[in-house]
């Protein structure tokens, strides 16, 4: 399956495994482990999902090289300022137990998005994040 090329030249797998609403009580780790076993190489999580630790455990135990797994995570609302975003990025890296995140998104771009974006840009320059973007959920009735 072909990858999708991003604006910065990196690529992202077209299909991923999302862990929204999977609790971090061992269930998330098991689900991600099974997804990796059957061939998924793109895992999508977020700080707000509160299951980055389970994702990280599954990846660490998988035996798959880190560079073969594409990880997306997202900054949550409480971290929308420059300093808070820097801490949020470090928390995600620690929870996932990785040296870098492939794609890091501003989950809902509210509040101090300029400060948060600056922190993401710095994390890219430092090699902690490979690609950044913003994500806006639109709910329709």
Protein backbone atom coordinates (compact mmCIF):
# COMPACT_ATOMS: atom_id res chain seq x y z
CA UNK A 1 0.00 0.00 0.00
CA UNK A 2 1.38 3.39 -0.97
CA UNK A 3 2.14 6.04 1.60
CA UNK A 4 0.84 9.60 1.46
CA UNK A 5 3.46 12.31 1.05
CA UNK A 6 3.16 15.26 3.43
CA UNK A 7 4.17 18.86 2.68
CA UNK A 8 7.50 18.43 4.47
CA UNK A 9 8.41 15.42 2.32
CA UNK A 10 7.81 12.75 4.97
CA UNK A 11 5.27 10.03 4.34
CA UNK A 12 2.37 8.63 6.34
CA UNK A 13 0.67 5.24 5.91
CA UNK A 14 -2.84 5.62 4.43
CA UNK A 15 -4.48 3.36 7.03
CA UNK A 16 -3.93 3.44 10.77
CA UNK A 17 -5.20 2.01 14.02
CA UNK A 18 -6.85 4.57 16.31
CA UNK A 19 -7.15 4.08 20.05
CA UNK A 20 -9.83 6.64 20.91
CA UNK A 21 -11.96 5.36 23.83
CA UNK A 22 -9.75 2.32 24.50
CA UNK A 23 -8.96 2.40 28.23
CA UNK A 24 -5.39 2.30 29.45
CA UNK A 25 -6.05 -0.60 31.82
CA UNK A 26 -4.17 -3.13 29.69
CA UNK A 27 -6.88 -3.10 27.03
CA UNK A 28 -5.11 -0.48 24.90
CA UNK A 29 -1.78 -2.25 25.11
CA UNK A 30 -3.41 -5.52 24.05
CA UNK A 31 -5.34 -3.87 21.19
CA UNK A 32 -2.24 -2.14 19.82
CA UNK A 33 -0.22 -5.34 20.17
CA UNK A 34 -2.79 -7.22 18.12
CA UNK A 35 -2.95 -4.42 15.54
CA UNK A 36 0.82 -4.53 15.13
CA UNK A 37 0.76 -8.34 14.84
CA UNK A 38 -1.70 -8.23 11.96
CA UNK A 39 0.29 -5.59 10.09
CA UNK A 40 -0.76 -2.13 11.20
CA UNK A 41 2.20 0.24 11.27
CA UNK A 42 0.35 3.48 11.95
CA UNK A 43 -0.97 4.07 15.47
CA UNK A 44 -3.06 7.14 16.33
CA UNK A 45 -3.42 8.31 19.93
CA UNK A 46 -3.72 11.58 21.86
CA UNK A 47 -2.94 12.98 25.29
CA UNK A 48 -6.69 13.38 25.84
CA UNK A 49 -7.30 9.68 25.18
CA UNK A 50 -5.23 8.95 28.29
CA UNK A 51 -3.76 5.78 26.77
CA UNK A 52 -0.38 6.84 25.41
CA UNK A 53 1.31 4.63 28.05
CA UNK A 54 -0.47 1.52 26.73
CA UNK A 55 0.45 2.42 23.16
CA UNK A 56 4.08 2.85 24.20
CA UNK A 57 4.16 -0.48 26.03
CA UNK A 58 2.75 -2.33 23.02
CA UNK A 59 5.26 -0.73 20.67
CA UNK A 60 8.18 -1.50 23.00
CA UNK A 61 7.12 -5.14 23.35
CA UNK A 62 6.39 -5.63 19.64
CA UNK A 63 9.95 -6.27 18.53
CA UNK A 64 9.29 -4.00 15.54
CA UNK A 65 11.88 -1.31 14.85
CA UNK A 66 10.67 2.11 15.97
CA UNK A 67 11.24 3.63 12.53
CA UNK A 68 8.82 1.08 11.05
CA UNK A 69 5.92 2.30 13.22
CA UNK A 70 4.27 5.64 12.51
CA UNK A 71 2.93 7.31 15.66
CA UNK A 72 0.52 10.22 15.76
CA UNK A 73 -0.40 11.97 18.98
CA UNK A 74 -2.10 15.22 19.80
CA UNK A 75 -1.69 18.12 22.20
CA UNK A 76 -4.75 18.67 24.36
CA UNK A 77 -6.46 21.91 25.30
CA UNK A 78 -4.89 22.35 28.73
CA UNK A 79 -1.49 22.58 27.02
CA UNK A 80 -2.24 25.49 24.68
CA UNK A 81 0.50 27.95 25.54
CA UNK A 82 4.18 27.92 24.71
CA UNK A 83 5.43 26.55 28.05
CA UNK A 84 2.51 24.16 28.54
CA UNK A 85 2.92 22.79 25.01
CA UNK A 86 6.61 22.12 25.65
CA UNK A 87 5.61 20.13 28.74
CA UNK A 88 2.80 18.38 26.87
CA UNK A 89 5.20 17.24 24.14
CA UNK A 90 7.65 15.91 26.73
CA UNK A 91 4.83 14.12 28.54
CA UNK A 92 3.70 12.43 25.31
CA UNK A 93 7.26 11.36 24.51
CA UNK A 94 7.66 9.95 28.02
CA UNK A 95 4.26 8.21 28.02
CA UNK A 96 4.91 6.68 24.60
CA UNK A 97 8.47 5.79 25.64
CA UNK A 98 9.89 7.02 22.32
CA UNK A 99 12.54 9.49 21.21
CA UNK A 100 10.31 11.09 18.59
CA UNK A 101 6.70 11.26 17.41
CA UNK A 102 6.05 11.08 13.68
CA UNK A 103 3.07 13.44 13.60
CA UNK A 104 1.94 15.71 16.43
CA UNK A 105 -1.28 17.65 16.07
CA UNK A 106 -2.91 20.56 17.80
CA UNK A 107 -5.98 18.53 18.72
CA UNK A 108 -8.38 21.46 18.93
CA UNK A 109 -6.81 24.80 17.96
CA UNK A 110 -8.18 27.13 20.66
CA UNK A 111 -6.60 29.53 23.14
CA UNK A 112 -2.89 30.28 22.61
CA UNK A 113 -2.38 28.38 19.37
CA UNK A 114 0.50 30.66 18.38
CA UNK A 115 2.46 29.79 21.52
CA UNK A 116 1.64 26.09 21.19
CA UNK A 117 2.61 26.10 17.52
CA UNK A 118 5.96 27.73 18.33
CA UNK A 119 6.67 24.92 20.82
CA UNK A 120 5.80 22.32 18.15
CA UNK A 121 8.10 24.01 15.63
CA UNK A 122 10.93 23.94 18.16
CA UNK A 123 10.29 20.26 18.85
CA UNK A 124 10.57 19.59 15.11
CA UNK A 125 13.89 21.45 15.01
CA UNK A 126 15.08 19.36 17.97
CA UNK A 127 14.08 16.08 16.28
CA UNK A 128 11.41 15.25 18.86
CA UNK A 129 8.63 15.53 16.27
CA UNK A 130 8.87 14.81 12.54
CA UNK A 131 5.69 16.55 11.29
CA UNK A 132 3.13 18.93 12.77
CA UNK A 133 -0.36 20.07 11.85
CA UNK A 134 -3.62 21.10 13.43
CA UNK A 135 -6.86 19.18 13.65
CA UNK A 136 -10.28 20.73 14.08
CA UNK A 137 -13.21 18.52 14.89
CA UNK A 138 -16.45 19.65 13.34
CA UNK A 139 -19.58 18.09 14.72
CA UNK A 140 -22.76 18.19 12.69
CA UNK A 141 -26.25 17.19 13.72
